[in-house]
PDB file of N, CA and C in Angstrom:
ATOM      1  N   MET A   1     -15.941  -2.961 -17.209  1.00  0.00           N
ATOM      2  CA  MET A   1     -15.381  -2.815 -15.908  1.00  0.00           C
ATOM      3  C   MET A   1     -16.147  -1.716 -15.323  1.00  0.00           C
ATOM      4  N   THR A   2     -16.466  -1.793 -13.834  1.00  0.00           N
ATOM      5  CA  THR A   2     -16.864  -0.861 -12.495  1.00  0.00           C
ATOM      6  C   THR A   2     -15.476  -0.418 -12.041  1.00  0.00           C
ATOM      7  N   ILE A   3     -15.311   1.046 -11.520  1.00  0.00           N
ATOM      8  CA  ILE A   3     -14.648   1.349 -10.630  1.00  0.00           C
ATOM      9  C   ILE A   3     -14.041   0.364  -9.909  1.00  0.00           C
ATOM     10  N   GLY A   4     -14.743  -0.181  -8.871  1.00  0.00           N
ATOM     11  CA  GLY A   4     -14.330  -1.125  -7.645  1.00  0.00           C
ATOM     12  C   GLY A   4     -13.930  -2.376  -8.675  1.00  0.00           C
ATOM     13  N   THR A   5     -14.402  -2.983  -9.696  1.00  0.00           N
ATOM     14  CA  THR A   5     -13.167  -3.473 -10.408  1.00  0.00           C
ATOM     15  C   THR A   5     -11.952  -3.964 -10.902  1.00  0.00           C
ATOM     16  N   ALA A   6     -11.767  -2.399 -11.234  1.00  0.00           N
ATOM     17  CA  ALA A   6     -10.553  -1.952 -11.847  1.00  0.00           C
ATOM     18  C   ALA A   6      -9.525  -1.726 -10.047  1.00  0.00           C
ATOM     19  N   ALA A   7     -10.217  -1.412  -9.222  1.00  0.00           N
ATOM     20  CA  ALA A   7      -9.740  -0.872  -8.173  1.00  0.00           C
ATOM     21  C   ALA A   7      -9.262  -2.340  -7.181  1.00  0.00           C
ATOM     22  N   ASP A   8      -9.668  -3.219  -7.180  1.00  0.00           N
ATOM     23  CA  ASP A   8      -9.333  -4.763  -7.138  1.00  0.00           C
ATOM     24  C   ASP A   8      -7.885  -4.946  -8.291  1.00  0.00           C
ATOM     25  N   GLU A   9      -8.319  -4.817  -9.226  1.00  0.00           N
ATOM     26  CA  GLU A   9      -7.537  -5.666 -10.561  1.00  0.00           C
ATOM     27  C   GLU A   9      -5.871  -4.421 -10.089  1.00  0.00           C
ATOM     28  N   PHE A  10      -5.871  -3.473  -9.469  1.00  0.00           N
ATOM     29  CA  PHE A  10      -4.803  -2.447  -9.461  1.00  0.00           C
ATOM     30  C   PHE A  10      -3.935  -3.094  -7.750  1.00  0.00           C
ATOM     31  N   ILE A  11      -5.237  -3.212  -7.148  1.00  0.00           N
ATOM     32  CA  ILE A  11      -4.662  -3.878  -5.775  1.00  0.00           C
ATOM     33  C   ILE A  11      -3.659  -5.084  -5.969  1.00  0.00           C
ATOM     34  N   ASP A  12      -4.404  -5.755  -6.811  1.00  0.00           N
ATOM     35  CA  ASP A  12      -3.924  -7.006  -7.151  1.00  0.00           C
ATOM     36  C   ASP A  12      -2.336  -6.872  -7.822  1.00  0.00           C
ATOM     37  N   LEU A  13      -2.291  -5.892  -8.569  1.00  0.00           N
ATOM     38  CA  LEU A  13      -0.617  -5.494  -9.326  1.00  0.00           C
ATOM     39  C   LEU A  13      -0.007  -5.273  -8.017  1.00  0.00           C
ATOM     40  N   LEU A  14      -0.352  -4.308  -7.859  1.00  0.00           N
ATOM     41  CA  LEU A  14       0.382  -4.199  -6.175  1.00  0.00           C
ATOM     42  C   LEU A  14       0.838  -4.760  -5.164  1.00  0.00           C
ATOM     43  N   ARG A  15       0.281  -5.782  -4.931  1.00  0.00           N
ATOM     44  CA  ARG A  15       0.407  -7.031  -4.045  1.00  0.00           C
ATOM     45  C   ARG A  15       1.448  -7.743  -4.944  1.00  0.00           C
ATOM     46  N   GLU A  16       0.959  -7.867  -6.217  1.00  0.00           N
ATOM     47  CA  GLU A  16       2.337  -8.845  -6.940  1.00  0.00           C
ATOM     48  C   GLU A  16       3.492  -8.349  -7.111  1.00  0.00           C
ATOM     49  N   HIS A  17       3.864  -6.753  -7.384  1.00  0.00           N
ATOM     50  CA  HIS A  17       4.625  -6.386  -7.939  1.00  0.00           C
ATOM     51  C   HIS A  17       5.959  -5.730  -7.162  1.00  0.00           C
ATOM     52  N   GLY A  18       4.464  -5.475  -5.800  1.00  0.00           N
ATOM     53  CA  GLY A  18       5.480  -4.205  -4.778  1.00  0.00           C
ATOM     54  C   GLY A  18       5.331  -2.724  -4.892  1.00  0.00           C
ATOM     55  N   ILE A  19       5.659  -2.071  -3.849  1.00  0.00           N
ATOM     56  CA  ILE A  19       5.503  -0.414  -4.278  1.00  0.00           C
ATOM     57  C   ILE A  19       7.163  -0.325  -3.878  1.00  0.00           C
ATOM     58  N   GLU A  20       7.675   0.823  -4.925  1.00  0.00           N
ATOM     59  CA  GLU A  20       8.907   1.474  -4.945  1.00  0.00           C
ATOM     60  C   GLU A  20       8.770   2.647  -4.488  1.00  0.00           C
ATOM     61  N   HIS A  21       9.562   3.445  -3.272  1.00  0.00           N
ATOM     62  CA  HIS A  21       9.854   4.570  -3.426  1.00  0.00           C
ATOM     63  C   HIS A  21      11.185   5.210  -4.167  1.00  0.00           C
ATOM     64  N   ILE A  22      10.284   6.303  -4.971  1.00  0.00           N
ATOM     65  CA  ILE A  22      11.545   6.609  -5.612  1.00  0.00           C
ATOM     66  C   ILE A  22      12.753   8.113  -5.176  1.00  0.00           C
ATOM     67  N   ILE A  23      13.869   7.168  -4.748  1.00  0.00           N
ATOM     68  CA  ILE A  23      14.679   8.187  -3.997  1.00  0.00           C
ATOM     69  C   ILE A  23      15.722   9.540  -4.557  1.00  0.00           C
ATOM     70  N   ASN A  24      15.846   9.133  -5.626  1.00  0.00           N
ATOM     71  CA  ASN A  24      16.510   9.888  -6.830  1.00  0.00           C
ATOM     72  C   ASN A  24      16.716   8.852  -8.456  1.00  0.00           C
ATOM     73  N   LYS A  25      17.428   9.442  -8.976  1.00  0.00           N
ATOM     74  CA  LYS A  25      17.605   8.804 -10.539  1.00  0.00           C
ATOM     75  C   LYS A  25      18.462   7.663 -10.256  1.00  0.00           C
ATOM     76  N   GLY A  26      17.702   6.613 -10.672  1.00  0.00           N
ATOM     77  CA  GLY A  26      18.391   5.311 -10.792  1.00  0.00           C
ATOM     78  C   GLY A  26      18.065   4.496  -9.279  1.00  0.00           C
ATOM     79  N   LYS A  27      17.594   5.058  -7.926  1.00  0.00           N
ATOM     80  CA  LYS A  27      17.628   4.588  -6.839  1.00  0.00           C
ATOM     81  C   LYS A  27      16.065   4.657  -6.371  1.00  0.00           C
ATOM     82  N   THR A  28      15.902   2.851  -5.850  1.00  0.00           N
ATOM     83  CA  THR A  28      14.688   3.047  -5.425  1.00  0.00           C
ATOM     84  C   THR A  28      14.419   2.479  -3.995  1.00  0.00           C
ATOM     85  N   LYS A  29      13.378   2.260  -3.188  1.00  0.00           N
ATOM     86  CA  LYS A  29      14.089   1.587  -1.953  1.00  0.00           C
ATOM     87  C   LYS A  29      12.390   0.743  -1.847  1.00  0.00           C
ATOM     88  N   PRO A  30      12.204   0.101  -1.649  1.00  0.00           N
ATOM     89  CA  PRO A  30      10.817  -0.995  -1.380  1.00  0.00           C
ATOM     90  C   PRO A  30      10.308  -0.477   0.096  1.00  0.00           C
ATOM     91  N   HIS A  31       8.750  -0.377  -0.713  1.00  0.00           N
ATOM     92  CA  HIS A  31       7.699  -0.040   0.248  1.00  0.00           C
ATOM     93  C   HIS A  31       7.386  -1.356   1.707  1.00  0.00           C
ATOM     94  N   THR A  32       7.695  -0.716   2.919  1.00  0.00           N
ATOM     95  CA  THR A  32       7.204  -1.962   3.771  1.00  0.00           C
ATOM     96  C   THR A  32       6.107  -0.958   4.549  1.00  0.00           C
ATOM     97  N   LEU A  33       5.250  -1.297   4.795  1.00  0.00           N
ATOM     98  CA  LEU A  33       4.041  -0.965   6.001  1.00  0.00           C
ATOM     99  C   LEU A  33       4.483  -0.759   7.599  1.00  0.00           C
ATOM    100  N   THR A  34       4.508   0.350   7.697  1.00  0.00           N
ATOM    101  CA  THR A  34       4.339   0.799   8.986  1.00  0.00           C
ATOM    102  C   THR A  34       4.069  -0.478  10.067  1.00  0.00           C
ATOM    103  N   PRO A  35       4.716  -0.445  11.368  1.00  0.00           N
ATOM    104  CA  PRO A  35       3.961  -1.688  12.302  1.00  0.00           C
ATOM    105  C   PRO A  35       2.804  -2.005  12.831  1.00  0.00           C
ATOM    106  N   PHE A  36       2.145  -0.523  12.880  1.00  0.00           N
ATOM    107  CA  PHE A  36       0.989  -0.720  13.235  1.00  0.00           C
ATOM    108  C   PHE A  36      -0.189  -1.092  12.406  1.00  0.00           C
ATOM    109  N   ALA A  37       0.129  -0.452  11.217  1.00  0.00           N
ATOM    110  CA  ALA A  37      -0.681  -0.842  10.207  1.00  0.00           C
ATOM    111  C   ALA A  37      -1.550  -2.213  10.445  1.00  0.00           C
ATOM    112  N   GLN A  38      -2.683  -2.185   9.863  1.00  0.00           N
ATOM    113  CA  GLN A  38      -3.601  -3.425  10.297  1.00  0.00           C
ATOM    114  C   GLN A  38      -4.084  -3.340   8.096  1.00  0.00           C
ATOM    115  N   VAL A  39      -3.903  -4.744   7.735  1.00  0.00           N
ATOM    116  CA  VAL A  39      -4.275  -5.035   6.556  1.00  0.00           C
ATOM    117  C   VAL A  39      -5.607  -5.617   6.560  1.00  0.00           C
ATOM    118  N   SER A  40      -7.000  -4.910   6.110  1.00  0.00           N
ATOM    119  CA  SER A  40      -8.027  -6.009   6.116  1.00  0.00           C
ATOM    120  C   SER A  40      -8.427  -6.113   4.457  1.00  0.00           C
ATOM    121  N   GLY A  41      -8.068  -7.520   3.916  1.00  0.00           N
ATOM    122  CA  GLY A  41      -8.790  -7.174   2.691  1.00  0.00           C
ATOM    123  C   GLY A  41      -8.278  -6.278   1.357  1.00  0.00           C
ATOM    124  N   THR A  42      -8.674  -5.894   1.198  1.00  0.00           N
ATOM    125  CA  THR A  42      -7.812  -4.728  -0.035  1.00  0.00           C
ATOM    126  C   THR A  42      -7.626  -3.462   0.876  1.00  0.00           C
ATOM    127  N   ARG A  43      -7.591  -2.829   1.959  1.00  0.00           N
ATOM    128  CA  ARG A  43      -8.004  -1.490   3.081  1.00  0.00           C
ATOM    129  C   ARG A  43      -6.398  -1.586   4.082  1.00  0.00           C
ATOM    130  N   ILE A  44      -6.141  -0.730   4.290  1.00  0.00           N
ATOM    131  CA  ILE A  44      -4.977  -0.520   4.645  1.00  0.00           C
ATOM    132  C   ILE A  44      -5.762  -0.107   5.999  1.00  0.00           C
ATOM    133  N   LEU A  45      -5.727  -0.231   7.566  1.00  0.00           N
ATOM    134  CA  LEU A  45      -5.920   0.681   8.445  1.00  0.00           C
ATOM    135  C   LEU A  45      -4.959   1.193   9.172  1.00  0.00           C
ATOM    136  N   TYR A  46      -5.266   2.593  10.381  1.00  0.00           N
ATOM    137  CA  TYR A  46      -3.979   2.310  11.217  1.00  0.00           C
ATOM    138  C   TYR A  46      -5.088   2.782  12.395  1.00  0.00           C
ATOM    139  N   PRO A  47      -4.827   2.186  13.011  1.00  0.00           N
ATOM    140  CA  PRO A  47      -5.647   2.396  14.401  1.00  0.00           C
ATOM    141  C   PRO A  47      -5.278   3.720  14.964  1.00  0.00           C
ATOM    142  N   PRO A  48      -6.671   4.578  15.392  1.00  0.00           N
ATOM    143  CA  PRO A  48      -6.201   5.738  15.752  1.00  0.00           C
ATOM    144  C   PRO A  48      -5.583   6.380  17.107  1.00  0.00           C
ATOM    145  N   GLU A  49      -5.027   5.606  17.851  1.00  0.00           N
ATOM    146  CA  GLU A  49      -4.212   5.850  18.730  1.00  0.00           C
ATOM    147  C   GLU A  49      -2.842   6.130  18.114  1.00  0.00           C
ATOM    148  N   ALA A  50      -2.500   4.908  16.967  1.00  0.00           N
ATOM    149  CA  ALA A  50      -1.271   4.971  16.269  1.00  0.00           C
ATOM    150  C   ALA A  50      -1.068   6.677  15.389  1.00  0.00           C
ATOM    151  N   VAL A  51      -2.101   6.871  15.101  1.00  0.00           N
ATOM    152  CA  VAL A  51      -2.065   8.128  14.273  1.00  0.00           C
ATOM    153  C   VAL A  51      -1.815   9.056  15.296  1.00  0.00           C
ATOM    154  N   GLN A  52      -2.451   9.654  16.516  1.00  0.00           N
ATOM    155  CA  GLN A  52      -2.203  10.742  17.092  1.00  0.00           C
ATOM    156  C   GLN A  52      -0.788  10.638  18.001  1.00  0.00           C
ATOM    157  N   GLU A  53      -0.266   9.745  17.709  1.00  0.00           N
ATOM    158  CA  GLU A  53       1.545   9.994  18.131  1.00  0.00           C
ATOM    159  C   GLU A  53       2.387  10.519  17.452  1.00  0.00           C
TER     160      GLU A  53
END
């Protein structure tokens, strides 16, 4: 298995199961993308003007 293949499988797993932020013991919160984030295939892109704000 190559690093690229492993990364693709990991991203697929994250998409299927989601990402949770651990707030404290026994409490999590689902992760959501910021409104200005752009998903391009397996990449998440942030426009430069959004980062500067």
